[in-house]
């Protein structure tokens, strides 16, 4: 099942502000709708998936050079630059420039480091693209980054989610049906609520910011920084 086009813009952000420097001790979530053609061009291309996955992880605590990124992936430098400039240009940004032996070196990071991308498909299917958590595919099969949490951890995080705008409302019967169609069952986890929050915002452009000031996010504790 392939995603269907839901809008003309390649990426439209509907929730969760994503700006500034990452705070690895806390959790901030942004849901972004991605054009299905772009989604497919990345998810079905192993090198592009690996570039974004490695970029998100390598830069977890600061920007990285393109050379370092290429070496960690095992991809030629010029191949990497071609993919970044021609197929992934909306997903990264230059944070700093340095002069190294007379040559300019760019340090880069994800353009929106807190973003989890989704695309919508037929029969209420949701497709997820979460580089940091290495999740690429149908939500019903790959799940969300919150699935690594225990029930106790998820319940603690949900207390913060429930204090934020649209996410503070209990899912309606229709919204629960969408979640069930994607193999998500109660008790729902933070990202389930965040996805529903973003879906509610489509008609009105409503935004929703969710911050979870946890000291030990299960995902971040289990994410190994590549060095």
Protein backbone atom coordinates (compact mmCIF):
# COMPACT_ATOMS: atom_id res chain seq x y z
CA UNK A 1 0.00 0.00 0.00
CA UNK A 2 1.52 3.31 -1.04
CA UNK A 3 0.83 6.74 0.47
CA UNK A 4 -1.55 9.03 -1.41
CA UNK A 5 -0.89 12.73 -1.94
CA UNK A 6 -2.47 14.90 0.74
CA UNK A 7 -1.01 18.27 -0.22
CA UNK A 8 1.14 20.02 -2.82
CA UNK A 9 3.86 21.26 -0.51
CA UNK A 10 6.62 18.74 0.08
CA UNK A 11 6.60 19.24 3.83
CA UNK A 12 3.99 21.02 5.92
CA UNK A 13 4.54 21.37 9.63
CA UNK A 14 1.38 21.24 11.69
CA UNK A 15 2.62 20.75 15.21
CA UNK A 16 5.44 20.87 17.73
CA UNK A 17 7.97 23.64 17.35
CA UNK A 18 11.45 22.41 16.44
CA UNK A 19 14.09 25.10 16.74
CA UNK A 20 17.41 25.63 18.47
CA UNK A 21 19.82 23.17 20.03
CA UNK A 22 18.81 19.69 21.07
CA UNK A 23 18.46 18.89 24.72
CA UNK A 24 19.29 15.17 24.94
CA UNK A 25 17.91 14.93 28.50
CA UNK A 26 14.38 15.81 27.43
CA UNK A 27 11.90 14.90 24.75
CA UNK A 28 10.33 17.26 22.21
CA UNK A 29 8.14 15.98 19.41
CA UNK A 30 7.18 17.49 16.09
CA UNK A 31 4.94 15.73 13.60
CA UNK A 32 5.44 16.80 9.99
CA UNK A 33 3.43 15.75 6.96
CA UNK A 34 5.70 14.80 4.12
CA UNK A 35 4.77 14.61 0.46
CA UNK A 36 4.22 10.91 -0.35
CA UNK A 37 6.52 11.09 -3.38
CA UNK A 38 9.36 12.40 -1.21
CA UNK A 39 8.52 9.85 1.47
CA UNK A 40 8.78 7.00 -1.04
CA UNK A 41 11.96 8.39 -2.61
CA UNK A 42 13.68 8.18 0.78
CA UNK A 43 12.15 5.10 2.38
CA UNK A 44 12.70 3.04 -0.76
CA UNK A 45 16.29 4.22 -1.17
CA UNK A 46 18.69 2.52 1.30
CA UNK A 47 21.47 5.12 0.97
CA UNK A 48 19.16 8.08 1.65
CA UNK A 49 17.63 6.32 4.65
CA UNK A 50 21.08 5.62 6.05
CA UNK A 51 22.28 9.18 5.45
CA UNK A 52 19.38 10.64 7.45
CA UNK A 53 19.50 7.96 10.14
CA UNK A 54 23.23 8.55 10.68
CA UNK A 55 22.93 12.34 10.49
CA UNK A 56 20.27 12.41 13.21
CA UNK A 57 22.30 10.14 15.48
CA UNK A 58 25.74 11.60 14.81
CA UNK A 59 24.48 15.11 15.50
CA UNK A 60 22.56 14.21 18.64
CA UNK A 61 24.98 16.33 20.68
CA UNK A 62 26.27 18.70 18.02
CA UNK A 63 26.80 19.22 14.26
CA UNK A 64 29.07 16.97 12.20
CA UNK A 65 31.16 17.37 9.07
CA UNK A 66 30.08 15.84 5.80
CA UNK A 67 33.34 13.89 5.71
CA UNK A 68 32.62 12.33 9.11
CA UNK A 69 29.10 11.46 7.98
CA UNK A 70 30.39 9.88 4.76
CA UNK A 71 32.99 7.81 6.62
CA UNK A 72 30.47 6.49 9.15
CA UNK A 73 28.08 5.45 6.40
CA UNK A 74 30.82 3.97 4.22
CA UNK A 75 29.76 6.18 1.32
CA UNK A 76 32.04 8.19 -0.93
CA UNK A 77 32.20 11.88 -0.03
CA UNK A 78 31.06 13.07 -3.44
CA UNK A 79 28.21 10.53 -3.45
CA UNK A 80 27.09 11.85 -0.08
CA UNK A 81 27.21 15.48 -1.21
CA UNK A 82 25.21 14.62 -4.33
CA UNK A 83 22.46 12.97 -2.28
CA UNK A 84 22.39 15.82 0.24
CA UNK A 85 22.21 18.53 -2.39
CA UNK A 86 19.87 16.88 -4.89
CA UNK A 87 17.57 14.61 -2.91
CA UNK A 88 17.78 15.57 0.78
CA UNK A 89 18.26 19.36 0.68
CA UNK A 90 15.20 20.06 2.86
CA UNK A 91 16.37 17.76 5.65
CA UNK A 92 19.68 19.33 6.70
CA UNK A 93 21.28 22.70 7.34
CA UNK A 94 24.74 24.19 7.73
CA UNK A 95 25.35 25.14 11.35
CA UNK A 96 28.97 26.25 11.17
CA UNK A 97 31.78 26.74 8.66
CA UNK A 98 35.47 26.27 9.41
CA UNK A 99 38.67 26.65 7.45
CA UNK A 100 40.72 23.46 7.49
CA UNK A 101 44.05 23.51 5.64
CA UNK A 102 42.75 26.26 3.38
CA UNK A 103 39.54 24.38 2.60
CA UNK A 104 36.07 25.29 3.82
CA UNK A 105 34.50 22.60 6.00
CA UNK A 106 30.77 22.70 6.74
CA UNK A 107 29.32 21.29 9.95
CA UNK A 108 25.75 20.16 9.44
CA UNK A 109 22.76 18.95 11.42
CA UNK A 110 19.13 17.99 10.70
CA UNK A 111 17.03 20.97 9.59
CA UNK A 112 14.36 19.96 12.12
CA UNK A 113 15.97 17.66 14.70
CA UNK A 114 12.79 16.86 16.62
CA UNK A 115 10.71 15.94 13.59
CA UNK A 116 8.97 12.67 12.92
CA UNK A 117 7.59 12.60 9.39
CA UNK A 118 4.33 10.92 8.41
CA UNK A 119 2.42 10.37 5.19
CA UNK A 120 -1.19 9.31 4.81
CA UNK A 121 -2.33 6.39 2.67
CA UNK A 122 -5.48 4.61 1.63
CA UNK A 123 -7.89 3.13 4.18
CA UNK A 124 -6.61 5.39 6.98
CA UNK A 125 -3.06 4.02 6.75
CA UNK A 126 -0.32 6.14 8.31
CA UNK A 127 3.29 5.80 7.20
CA UNK A 128 6.09 6.86 9.53
CA UNK A 129 9.60 8.09 8.87
CA UNK A 130 11.55 8.63 12.12
CA UNK A 131 15.29 8.83 11.34
CA UNK A 132 16.52 9.02 14.94
CA UNK A 133 14.62 5.89 15.93
CA UNK A 134 15.37 4.10 12.63
CA UNK A 135 11.67 3.60 11.93
CA UNK A 136 10.67 3.62 8.26
CA UNK A 137 7.40 2.15 7.03
CA UNK A 138 3.73 1.60 7.88
CA UNK A 139 2.85 2.64 11.43
CA UNK A 140 0.97 -0.65 11.79
CA UNK A 141 4.22 -2.58 11.27
CA UNK A 142 7.08 -0.43 12.57
CA UNK A 143 5.26 1.26 15.47
CA UNK A 144 6.65 4.40 17.13
CA UNK A 145 9.71 5.34 19.16
CA UNK A 146 7.54 5.30 22.28
CA UNK A 147 7.17 1.54 21.96
CA UNK A 148 10.59 1.07 23.56
CA UNK A 149 9.14 2.52 26.78
CA UNK A 150 7.63 0.44 29.54
CA UNK A 151 3.99 1.00 30.46
CA UNK A 152 5.12 2.95 33.52
CA UNK A 153 7.42 5.20 31.49
CA UNK A 154 4.73 5.83 28.88
CA UNK A 155 2.13 6.67 31.54
CA UNK A 156 4.53 9.20 33.09
CA UNK A 157 5.12 10.88 29.74
CA UNK A 158 1.41 10.93 28.95
CA UNK A 159 0.81 13.20 31.95
CA UNK A 160 2.84 15.88 30.18
CA UNK A 161 1.18 15.22 26.81
CA UNK A 162 -2.28 15.58 28.32
CA UNK A 163 -1.51 19.16 29.39
CA UNK A 164 -0.95 20.37 25.81
CA UNK A 165 -3.65 21.94 23.58
CA UNK A 166 -5.38 19.48 21.25
CA UNK A 167 -3.48 16.58 22.78
CA UNK A 168 -5.21 17.24 26.08
CA UNK A 169 -8.50 15.93 24.73
CA UNK A 170 -9.32 12.24 24.80
CA UNK A 171 -9.37 10.65 21.33
CA UNK A 172 -12.83 10.55 19.76
CA UNK A 173 -14.35 7.31 18.52
CA UNK A 174 -13.28 8.21 14.98
CA UNK A 175 -9.72 8.92 16.09
CA UNK A 176 -9.54 5.67 18.00
CA UNK A 177 -10.72 3.90 14.85
CA UNK A 178 -7.83 5.48 12.91
CA UNK A 179 -5.37 4.32 15.55
CA UNK A 180 -6.81 0.81 15.57
CA UNK A 181 -6.61 0.71 11.76
CA UNK A 182 -2.88 1.29 12.25
CA UNK A 183 -2.51 -1.44 14.87
CA UNK A 184 -2.37 1.00 17.78
CA UNK A 185 -4.34 -0.06 20.83
CA UNK A 186 -5.14 1.52 24.19
CA UNK A 187 -3.55 2.48 26.44
CA UNK A 188 -2.18 4.89 23.85
CA UNK A 189 1.34 6.24 24.06
CA UNK A 190 2.59 9.84 23.67
CA UNK A 191 3.24 9.61 19.95
CA UNK A 192 -0.21 8.17 19.30
CA UNK A 193 -1.66 11.30 20.86
CA UNK A 194 0.77 13.57 19.01
CA UNK A 195 -0.22 12.04 15.67
CA UNK A 196 -3.89 12.56 16.46
CA UNK A 197 -3.10 16.12 17.54
CA UNK A 198 -1.49 16.81 14.18
CA UNK A 199 -4.35 15.19 12.27
CA UNK A 200 -6.84 17.44 14.08
CA UNK A 201 -4.88 20.47 12.95
CA UNK A 202 -5.18 19.79 9.22
CA UNK A 203 -8.42 21.74 8.54
CA UNK A 204 -7.61 24.77 10.67
CA UNK A 205 -3.83 24.82 10.66
CA UNK A 206 -3.93 24.40 14.43
CA UNK A 207 -0.59 23.81 16.12
CA UNK A 208 0.25 21.85 19.23
CA UNK A 209 3.48 21.90 21.22
CA UNK A 210 4.36 18.96 23.45
CA UNK A 211 7.44 18.91 25.64
CA UNK A 212 8.28 16.08 28.00
CA UNK A 213 11.00 17.22 30.43
CA UNK A 214 12.05 13.71 31.32
CA UNK A 215 15.49 12.99 32.72
CA UNK A 216 15.84 9.61 31.10
CA UNK A 217 13.97 9.21 27.82
CA UNK A 218 13.99 5.49 27.02
CA UNK A 219 14.67 6.10 23.35
CA UNK A 220 17.61 8.43 23.98
CA UNK A 221 19.09 6.08 26.57
CA UNK A 222 18.94 3.24 24.04
CA UNK A 223 20.18 5.35 21.13
CA UNK A 224 23.91 4.88 20.78
CA UNK A 225 25.68 8.02 19.64
CA UNK A 226 27.94 7.19 16.72
CA UNK A 227 31.42 8.61 17.23
